[in-house]
Amino acid sequence: MTDNSLERGMALLDARIAERCYGTEVELQRGDTITPEPITWLWPGWLAAGKLHILAGAPGTGKTTIALAFAATATQGGRWPDGAQAAPGNVVIWSGEDDPTDTIVPRLIAMGADRKRIFFVSGVTGNVARRPFDPATDAEELHAAILRAGGASLLIVDPITSAVTGDSHKNAEVRRGLQPLADLAASTGCALLGISHFSKGTAGREPTERVTGSLAFGAFARIVMVTAKRSAEEGGDRVLCRSKSNIGTDSGGFAYDLQQVALDRYTGVEASRVLWGDAIEGTAREILATAEAAPEKEGGAISEATRFLTDMLSDGSKRQSDVLEFAEAEGIAERTIRRAKKSLGVVSKKSAYAGGWIWELPPPNMAKMAKNAEDGQQKKVAILGNLGHLGANGNGDTRPIKGIEIVEGVI
């Protein structure tokens, strides 16, 4: 958090106190008095200082654990999943669902967080008796607390729906509820990460529209991240991807998995942590469609889709939109054609001329060579953060995790 952010935060707080005493008036600022500034990134392309972010997904995909993985990286100045270096900063956490003692802190320890930089919102005190913190009404008090702590680079609110006092399915009430927290993030310069869920029965829809409650949650956020669990046939791990970004690239993601580990220094305490895998290309809708695809029966549809895709790409690359359109005309479901695409090792890349994505068959024997290479070595996966002090038990033990080779510097 910069000195300018602290000054703006204090000025805003003073203004609100004065407003209560002396009344209000609307101020107008002329455009030529505003100096353009670049976006300050906590994690380039994923977490922006002073902006609201939403992280949503189906149950069991580890959304809270991912948020805590972000916190661990931010506090220790570790590395993000793409290898980018984080600047050390404070993290403030409010959770209305998990207990810090037996859930949140053990996970932070397992992922190597610097707990001196972690602050939990535990309650509100004042002229009345101590009471629980309410994100819907206590944004100003939280603002002041963050400033007293010396600022923060990341604020986690779990769940973000708690910030809405009214009907979370009404756009106006959601925007009204989120505005104080958004103002807090802007004035303190912290990245605000709100955790949410997918609505039931929304598989196949645009991922941002699947965030539970009003569409205003996704619309109000500058970046929306979504998670999904892949089927056993797709590897059985999970995926994190961007479904929306108003301030940068809105595609791509990372594979990840969750590992349960015992904390040696705390007898009987176990916690989950994130293991990051490879980068994934494509839109969130494409990535989730593949991850959530129902298993196909042997032969039949998948074989037909494989033959169709081989024939269509045999004479050269094709636009993805054309492939999907012709497949639909042939009665082949999109999830089926994508399974065939993966089976054949079809290459997907961004077109520099026509725009959009193009598909093409891999060079002869390329798929076979790649599979042989993969079978001949262990998959290399890196643990989030500074690998120098993270091991199988989260306390400096660098013994390999079963089935995973820990390679320093590989993300």
Protein backbone atom coordinates (compact mmCIF):
# COMPACT_ATOMS: atom_id res chain seq x y z
CA MET A 1 0.00 0.00 0.00
CA THR A 2 1.49 3.37 -1.06
CA ASP A 3 1.74 6.56 1.00
CA ASN A 4 -0.69 8.20 -1.46
CA SER A 5 -3.24 5.47 -0.76
CA LEU A 6 -2.92 6.03 2.99
CA GLU A 7 -3.36 9.79 2.54
CA ARG A 8 -6.44 9.32 0.35
CA GLY A 9 -7.85 6.84 2.86
CA MET A 10 -7.42 9.20 5.79
CA ALA A 11 -8.87 12.12 3.79
CA LEU A 12 -11.94 10.08 2.86
CA LEU A 13 -12.43 8.97 6.45
CA ASP A 14 -12.16 12.59 7.71
CA ALA A 15 -14.62 13.72 5.04
CA ARG A 16 -17.19 11.13 6.10
CA ILE A 17 -16.90 12.16 9.74
CA ALA A 18 -17.32 15.82 8.79
CA GLU A 19 -20.26 14.95 6.55
CA ARG A 20 -22.14 13.52 9.50
CA CYS A 21 -21.59 16.74 11.42
CA TYR A 22 -22.12 19.45 8.80
CA GLY A 23 -24.25 17.98 6.00
CA THR A 24 -23.47 17.03 2.40
CA GLU A 25 -22.99 18.54 -1.03
CA VAL A 26 -22.20 17.16 -4.49
CA GLU A 27 -18.77 17.98 -5.90
CA LEU A 28 -17.91 18.13 -9.60
CA GLN A 29 -14.37 17.61 -10.87
CA ARG A 30 -13.37 18.83 -14.31
CA GLY A 31 -11.85 16.18 -16.56
CA ASP A 32 -8.65 18.07 -17.38
CA THR A 33 -7.71 18.14 -13.70
CA ILE A 34 -7.48 14.33 -13.59
CA THR A 35 -4.09 12.76 -14.37
CA PRO A 36 -4.27 9.25 -15.91
CA GLU A 37 -2.56 6.55 -13.83
CA PRO A 38 -1.62 2.96 -14.68
CA ILE A 39 -3.28 0.06 -12.89
CA THR A 40 -1.23 -1.25 -9.98
CA TRP A 41 -1.19 -5.04 -9.97
CA LEU A 42 -0.79 -7.33 -6.98
CA TRP A 43 -0.72 -10.26 -9.43
CA PRO A 44 -0.49 -8.98 -13.03
CA GLY A 45 -3.69 -9.71 -14.91
CA TRP A 46 -5.39 -11.37 -11.94
CA LEU A 47 -5.42 -9.19 -8.81
CA ALA A 48 -5.47 -5.39 -9.12
CA ALA A 49 -4.92 -2.90 -6.31
CA GLY A 50 -8.03 -0.95 -5.39
CA LYS A 51 -10.40 -3.17 -7.40
CA LEU A 52 -13.16 -5.67 -6.58
CA HIS A 53 -12.66 -9.30 -7.64
CA ILE A 54 -15.04 -12.25 -7.39
CA LEU A 55 -13.91 -15.87 -6.99
CA ALA A 56 -16.76 -18.33 -7.55
CA GLY A 57 -17.22 -22.01 -8.29
CA ALA A 58 -18.98 -25.22 -7.39
CA PRO A 59 -18.69 -26.76 -3.90
CA GLY A 60 -15.56 -28.84 -3.39
CA THR A 61 -13.33 -26.86 -5.72
CA GLY A 62 -11.39 -25.22 -2.87
CA LYS A 63 -12.29 -21.57 -3.41
CA THR A 64 -11.38 -20.54 0.14
CA THR A 65 -8.12 -22.49 -0.03
CA ILE A 66 -7.23 -20.69 -3.27
CA ALA A 67 -7.94 -17.33 -1.62
CA LEU A 68 -5.67 -18.31 1.28
CA ALA A 69 -3.02 -19.42 -1.21
CA PHE A 70 -3.18 -15.90 -2.64
CA ALA A 71 -2.81 -14.57 0.91
CA ALA A 72 0.23 -16.77 1.56
CA THR A 73 1.94 -15.55 -1.59
CA ALA A 74 1.14 -11.91 -0.84
CA THR A 75 2.47 -12.03 2.74
CA GLN A 76 5.70 -13.86 1.98
CA GLY A 77 6.48 -12.09 -1.29
CA GLY A 78 6.40 -15.46 -3.05
CA ARG A 79 5.63 -16.34 -6.64
CA TRP A 80 2.24 -16.49 -8.32
CA PRO A 81 1.23 -19.54 -10.40
CA ASP A 82 2.68 -17.96 -13.57
CA GLY A 83 6.02 -17.26 -11.90
CA ALA A 84 5.49 -13.53 -11.30
CA GLN A 85 7.06 -12.21 -8.10
CA ALA A 86 4.77 -10.79 -5.42
CA ALA A 87 5.64 -7.78 -3.29
CA PRO A 88 5.22 -8.52 0.45
CA GLY A 89 2.15 -6.93 2.00
CA ASN A 90 -0.48 -7.27 4.69
CA VAL A 91 -3.62 -9.33 4.19
CA VAL A 92 -6.94 -8.79 6.00
CA ILE A 93 -9.40 -11.70 6.18
CA TRP A 94 -13.05 -11.81 7.20
CA SER A 95 -14.75 -15.18 7.05
CA GLY A 96 -18.32 -15.87 8.05
CA GLU A 97 -17.99 -19.59 7.28
CA ASP A 98 -14.63 -20.95 8.51
CA ASP A 99 -12.96 -20.81 11.93
CA PRO A 100 -9.46 -19.29 11.94
CA THR A 101 -8.25 -21.68 14.66
CA ASP A 102 -8.99 -25.06 13.10
CA THR A 103 -9.32 -24.21 9.41
CA ILE A 104 -7.91 -20.93 8.12
CA VAL A 105 -4.67 -20.60 10.11
CA PRO A 106 -3.67 -24.26 9.57
CA ARG A 107 -4.08 -23.76 5.81
CA LEU A 108 -2.02 -20.58 5.91
CA ILE A 109 0.73 -22.41 7.81
CA ALA A 110 0.64 -25.28 5.30
CA MET A 111 1.23 -22.78 2.50
CA GLY A 112 4.01 -20.87 4.22
CA ALA A 113 2.21 -17.61 4.94
CA ASP A 114 3.92 -14.93 7.02
CA ARG A 115 1.36 -14.78 9.83
CA LYS A 116 2.75 -11.49 11.12
CA ARG A 117 1.20 -9.93 8.02
CA ILE A 118 -2.20 -11.65 8.43
CA PHE A 119 -5.04 -9.81 10.20
CA PHE A 120 -8.42 -11.37 10.98
CA VAL A 121 -11.54 -9.25 11.39
CA SER A 122 -12.81 -10.65 14.69
CA GLY A 123 -15.40 -8.14 15.87
CA VAL A 124 -16.40 -4.51 16.44
CA THR A 125 -16.03 -2.59 19.70
CA GLY A 126 -17.05 0.92 20.70
CA ASN A 127 -19.48 2.68 23.01
CA VAL A 128 -21.66 -0.43 23.04
CA ALA A 129 -20.83 -4.02 23.85
CA ARG A 130 -18.55 -5.92 21.50
CA ARG A 131 -20.44 -7.38 18.53
CA PRO A 132 -19.68 -9.46 15.42
CA PHE A 133 -18.36 -7.65 12.35
CA ASP A 134 -20.96 -7.10 9.61
CA PRO A 135 -19.50 -6.40 6.13
CA ALA A 136 -22.81 -4.85 5.11
CA THR A 137 -22.63 -2.05 7.69
CA ASP A 138 -19.09 -1.85 9.10
CA ALA A 139 -17.06 -0.84 6.04
CA GLU A 140 -16.01 2.50 7.55
CA GLU A 141 -14.85 0.87 10.77
CA LEU A 142 -12.90 -1.72 8.74
CA HIS A 143 -11.40 1.10 6.68
CA ALA A 144 -10.05 2.74 9.83
CA ALA A 145 -8.73 -0.58 11.17
CA ILE A 146 -6.80 -1.27 7.95
CA LEU A 147 -5.19 2.14 8.13
CA ARG A 148 -4.18 1.52 11.77
CA ALA A 149 -2.57 -1.76 10.72
CA GLY A 150 -0.40 0.08 8.20
CA GLY A 151 -2.48 -0.73 5.14
CA ALA A 152 -3.12 -3.97 3.24
CA SER A 153 -2.46 -5.32 -0.23
CA LEU A 154 -5.30 -7.87 -0.12
CA LEU A 155 -8.71 -8.00 1.60
CA ILE A 156 -10.65 -11.29 1.53
CA VAL A 157 -14.41 -11.31 2.24
CA ASP A 158 -15.98 -14.77 2.50
CA PRO A 159 -18.77 -14.85 1.44
CA ILE A 160 -19.20 -11.60 -0.49
CA THR A 161 -22.99 -12.01 -0.39
CA SER A 162 -22.83 -11.03 3.30
CA ALA A 163 -22.12 -7.46 2.19
CA VAL A 164 -25.69 -7.16 0.88
CA THR A 165 -28.34 -6.43 3.52
CA GLY A 166 -31.28 -6.63 1.11
CA ASP A 167 -32.18 -9.08 -1.63
CA SER A 168 -28.97 -10.42 -3.19
CA HIS A 169 -30.92 -11.20 -6.38
CA LYS A 170 -31.76 -7.54 -7.04
CA ASN A 171 -29.20 -5.54 -9.01
CA ALA A 172 -29.77 -2.21 -7.25
CA GLU A 173 -29.48 -3.70 -3.76
CA VAL A 174 -26.34 -5.65 -4.66
CA ARG A 175 -24.63 -2.57 -6.09
CA ARG A 176 -25.67 -0.54 -3.05
CA GLY A 177 -24.29 -3.22 -0.74
CA LEU A 178 -20.98 -3.64 -2.56
CA GLN A 179 -20.24 0.07 -3.02
CA PRO A 180 -18.86 0.73 0.51
CA LEU A 181 -16.41 -2.18 0.21
CA ALA A 182 -15.43 -1.10 -3.30
CA ASP A 183 -14.80 2.43 -1.97
CA LEU A 184 -12.72 0.96 0.86
CA ALA A 185 -10.58 -0.97 -1.64
CA ALA A 186 -10.09 2.10 -3.83
CA SER A 187 -9.14 4.38 -0.94
CA THR A 188 -6.75 1.93 0.77
CA GLY A 189 -5.28 0.52 -2.44
CA CYS A 190 -5.94 -3.11 -1.54
CA ALA A 191 -7.23 -5.79 -3.89
CA LEU A 192 -10.68 -6.86 -2.65
CA LEU A 193 -11.43 -10.56 -3.22
CA GLY A 194 -14.99 -11.71 -2.55
CA ILE A 195 -15.77 -15.43 -2.50
CA SER A 196 -19.05 -16.77 -3.84
CA HIS A 197 -20.67 -19.88 -5.34
CA PHE A 198 -22.24 -21.06 -8.58
CA SER A 199 -26.02 -21.27 -8.71
CA LYS A 200 -27.37 -24.80 -9.02
CA GLY A 201 -28.35 -26.04 -12.46
CA THR A 202 -26.27 -23.46 -14.37
CA ALA A 203 -23.72 -25.77 -16.00
CA GLY A 204 -23.07 -24.80 -19.61
CA ARG A 205 -24.00 -21.14 -19.16
CA GLU A 206 -21.57 -18.22 -19.40
CA PRO A 207 -19.45 -18.64 -16.22
CA THR A 208 -19.83 -15.05 -14.99
CA GLU A 209 -23.62 -15.44 -15.16
CA ARG A 210 -23.38 -18.54 -12.96
CA VAL A 211 -22.26 -16.56 -9.89
CA THR A 212 -25.03 -16.92 -7.34
CA GLY A 213 -27.40 -14.00 -6.82
CA SER A 214 -27.87 -10.97 -9.02
CA LEU A 215 -25.88 -10.48 -12.20
CA ALA A 216 -24.62 -7.31 -10.50
CA PHE A 217 -22.03 -9.34 -8.57
CA GLY A 218 -20.23 -10.19 -11.79
CA ALA A 219 -20.95 -6.85 -13.42
CA PHE A 220 -19.70 -4.78 -10.47
CA ALA A 221 -16.44 -6.74 -10.13
CA ARG A 222 -13.55 -5.75 -12.38
CA ILE A 223 -12.28 -9.34 -12.55
CA VAL A 224 -14.23 -12.59 -12.05
CA MET A 225 -12.39 -15.86 -11.45
CA VAL A 226 -14.10 -19.25 -11.52
CA THR A 227 -13.16 -22.78 -10.47
CA ALA A 228 -14.25 -26.26 -11.51
CA LYS A 229 -13.31 -29.85 -10.79
CA ARG A 230 -12.32 -32.04 -13.71
CA SER A 231 -13.62 -35.55 -14.17
CA ALA A 232 -11.40 -38.58 -13.61
CA GLU A 233 -11.11 -38.94 -17.38
CA GLU A 234 -9.79 -35.35 -17.57
CA GLY A 235 -7.22 -35.92 -14.81
CA GLY A 236 -9.36 -35.48 -11.68
CA ASP A 237 -7.73 -32.19 -10.70
CA ARG A 238 -9.24 -28.69 -10.71
CA VAL A 239 -9.02 -25.56 -12.83
CA LEU A 240 -8.94 -21.83 -12.07
CA CYS A 241 -9.69 -19.40 -14.90
CA ARG A 242 -10.75 -15.83 -15.61
CA SER A 243 -14.28 -15.50 -16.89
CA LYS A 244 -14.26 -11.70 -17.00
CA SER A 245 -11.83 -8.82 -16.85
CA ASN A 246 -12.60 -5.19 -17.57
CA ILE A 247 -8.96 -4.22 -17.11
CA GLY A 248 -6.99 -6.91 -18.94
CA THR A 249 -7.05 -10.34 -20.56
CA ASP A 250 -10.21 -12.31 -19.78
CA SER A 251 -9.11 -15.81 -20.76
CA GLY A 252 -6.67 -18.49 -19.65
CA GLY A 253 -6.16 -20.22 -16.35
CA PHE A 254 -4.22 -22.79 -14.34
CA ALA A 255 -4.70 -26.38 -13.29
CA TYR A 256 -4.38 -27.02 -9.57
CA ASP A 257 -4.99 -29.67 -6.98
CA LEU A 258 -5.60 -29.75 -3.24
CA GLN A 259 -3.39 -31.73 -0.91
CA GLN A 260 -4.10 -32.59 2.72
CA VAL A 261 -0.99 -32.41 4.92
CA ALA A 262 -0.20 -32.83 8.63
CA LEU A 263 1.45 -29.94 10.46
CA ASP A 264 4.39 -31.42 12.38
CA ARG A 265 4.54 -28.68 15.00
CA TYR A 266 0.84 -29.01 15.85
CA THR A 267 -0.09 -32.54 16.87
CA GLY A 268 -3.25 -33.82 15.20
CA VAL A 269 -3.69 -30.74 13.00
CA GLU A 270 -4.14 -31.27 9.27
CA ALA A 271 -4.80 -28.72 6.56
CA SER A 272 -5.27 -28.46 2.82
CA ARG A 273 -3.01 -26.51 0.50
CA VAL A 274 -2.85 -25.72 -3.21
CA LEU A 275 -0.53 -27.40 -5.71
CA TRP A 276 -0.40 -25.39 -8.93
CA GLY A 277 -0.08 -27.13 -12.28
CA ASP A 278 0.20 -26.08 -15.90
CA ALA A 279 -1.23 -22.97 -17.54
CA ILE A 280 -4.41 -23.57 -19.57
CA GLU A 281 -5.44 -21.72 -22.71
CA GLY A 282 -8.94 -20.84 -23.83
CA THR A 283 -11.95 -18.99 -22.51
CA ALA A 284 -13.50 -19.83 -19.15
CA ARG A 285 -16.55 -21.24 -20.91
CA GLU A 286 -14.37 -23.55 -22.99
CA ILE A 287 -12.28 -24.65 -20.02
CA LEU A 288 -15.31 -25.32 -17.82
CA ALA A 289 -17.16 -27.10 -20.63
CA THR A 290 -14.31 -29.58 -20.89
CA ALA A 291 -13.90 -29.90 -17.11
CA GLU A 292 -17.60 -30.47 -16.43
CA ALA A 293 -18.35 -32.66 -19.45
CA ALA A 294 -20.27 -35.81 -18.58
CA PRO A 295 -18.38 -39.06 -19.31
CA GLU A 296 -19.09 -40.48 -22.76
CA LYS A 297 -20.08 -44.06 -23.37
CA GLU A 298 -17.48 -46.22 -25.06
CA GLY A 299 -17.41 -45.75 -28.82
CA GLY A 300 -20.44 -44.03 -30.29
CA ALA A 301 -20.45 -40.25 -29.96
CA ILE A 302 -16.77 -39.77 -29.09
CA SER A 303 -15.63 -41.96 -31.98
CA GLU A 304 -17.88 -40.09 -34.38
CA ALA A 305 -16.57 -36.75 -33.12
CA THR A 306 -12.97 -37.93 -33.49
CA ARG A 307 -13.56 -38.95 -37.11
CA PHE A 308 -15.38 -35.68 -37.83
CA LEU A 309 -12.59 -33.55 -36.36
CA THR A 310 -9.84 -35.49 -38.15
CA ASP A 311 -11.60 -35.08 -41.50
CA MET A 312 -12.30 -31.38 -40.97
CA LEU A 313 -8.73 -30.47 -39.99
CA SER A 314 -6.92 -32.82 -42.35
CA ASP A 315 -6.53 -30.12 -45.01
CA GLY A 316 -5.37 -27.37 -42.65
CA SER A 317 -6.32 -25.22 -39.67
CA LYS A 318 -9.90 -24.01 -39.16
CA ARG A 319 -11.48 -21.32 -37.05
CA GLN A 320 -12.82 -22.69 -33.79
CA SER A 321 -16.19 -21.04 -34.38
CA ASP A 322 -16.48 -22.81 -37.75
CA VAL A 323 -15.57 -26.18 -36.26
CA LEU A 324 -18.19 -25.86 -33.51
CA GLU A 325 -20.82 -24.63 -35.97
CA PHE A 326 -20.30 -27.55 -38.37
CA ALA A 327 -20.18 -30.01 -35.46
CA GLU A 328 -23.53 -28.72 -34.21
CA ALA A 329 -24.96 -29.12 -37.72
CA GLU A 330 -23.80 -32.76 -37.60
CA GLY A 331 -25.54 -33.24 -34.26
CA ILE A 332 -22.29 -33.44 -32.25
CA ALA A 333 -22.41 -31.73 -28.85
CA GLU A 334 -19.76 -29.13 -28.05
CA ARG A 335 -18.50 -31.06 -25.02
CA THR A 336 -18.08 -34.15 -27.21
CA ILE A 337 -16.10 -32.34 -29.89
CA ARG A 338 -13.85 -30.87 -27.20
CA ARG A 339 -13.17 -34.33 -25.79
CA ALA A 340 -12.26 -35.47 -29.27
CA LYS A 341 -10.01 -32.41 -29.62
CA LYS A 342 -8.10 -33.39 -26.49
CA SER A 343 -7.88 -37.02 -27.54
CA LEU A 344 -6.36 -36.08 -30.90
CA GLY A 345 -4.01 -33.51 -29.41
CA VAL A 346 -5.47 -30.76 -31.58
CA VAL A 347 -3.56 -27.49 -31.19
CA SER A 348 -5.57 -24.38 -30.25
CA LYS A 349 -3.95 -20.98 -30.77
CA LYS A 350 -4.88 -17.35 -31.23
CA SER A 351 -5.08 -16.13 -34.81
CA ALA A 352 -2.97 -13.04 -35.46
CA TYR A 353 -4.98 -12.06 -38.51
CA ALA A 354 -8.61 -13.15 -38.45
CA GLY A 355 -8.97 -12.88 -34.68
CA GLY A 356 -10.39 -15.58 -32.43
CA TRP A 357 -9.03 -19.09 -31.95
CA ILE A 358 -7.99 -21.59 -34.62
CA TRP A 359 -7.63 -25.36 -34.37
CA GLU A 360 -5.15 -27.54 -36.23
CA LEU A 361 -3.94 -31.10 -36.08
CA PRO A 362 -0.56 -31.62 -34.37
CA PRO A 363 2.50 -32.43 -36.51
CA PRO A 364 2.81 -36.13 -37.42
CA ASN A 365 3.68 -38.31 -34.41
CA MET A 366 3.74 -35.24 -32.15
CA ALA A 367 0.91 -36.45 -29.93
CA LYS A 368 2.47 -39.89 -29.60
CA MET A 369 5.88 -38.43 -28.75
CA ALA A 370 4.36 -36.13 -26.16
CA LYS A 371 2.52 -38.98 -24.49
CA ASN A 372 5.64 -41.16 -24.40
CA ALA A 373 7.59 -38.31 -22.82
CA GLU A 374 4.89 -37.78 -20.22
CA ASP A 375 4.79 -41.48 -19.37
CA GLY A 376 8.56 -41.50 -18.94
CA GLN A 377 8.76 -38.88 -16.25
CA GLN A 378 6.83 -37.57 -13.28
CA LYS A 379 4.67 -34.51 -13.76
CA LYS A 380 6.40 -31.50 -12.27
CA VAL A 381 4.15 -29.38 -10.12
CA ALA A 382 5.22 -26.50 -7.90
CA ILE A 383 3.78 -25.52 -4.56
CA LEU A 384 2.49 -21.97 -4.38
CA GLY A 385 4.86 -19.43 -3.01
CA ASN A 386 8.49 -19.47 -1.95
CA LEU A 387 9.63 -23.05 -2.53
CA GLY A 388 12.68 -22.56 -0.37
CA HIS A 389 10.77 -23.17 2.86
CA LEU A 390 7.77 -25.18 1.72
CA GLY A 391 7.86 -28.95 1.79
CA ALA A 392 5.59 -31.92 2.17
CA ASN A 393 4.48 -30.86 5.65
CA GLY A 394 4.59 -27.07 5.20
CA ASN A 395 7.32 -26.67 7.83
CA GLY A 396 10.55 -26.98 5.87
CA ASP A 397 10.43 -30.70 5.04
CA THR A 398 11.51 -30.89 1.39
CA ARG A 399 10.85 -34.57 0.87
CA PRO A 400 8.93 -35.20 -2.37
CA ILE A 401 5.16 -35.43 -2.12
CA LYS A 402 3.91 -38.82 -3.22
CA GLY A 403 3.54 -38.88 -6.99
CA ILE A 404 4.84 -35.31 -7.39
CA GLU A 405 8.37 -34.08 -7.94
CA ILE A 406 8.97 -30.70 -6.30
CA VAL A 407 11.18 -28.64 -8.58
CA GLU A 408 12.40 -25.26 -7.35
CA GLY A 409 11.67 -22.41 -9.68
CA VAL A 410 9.17 -24.35 -11.79
CA ILE A 411 5.65 -22.97 -11.73
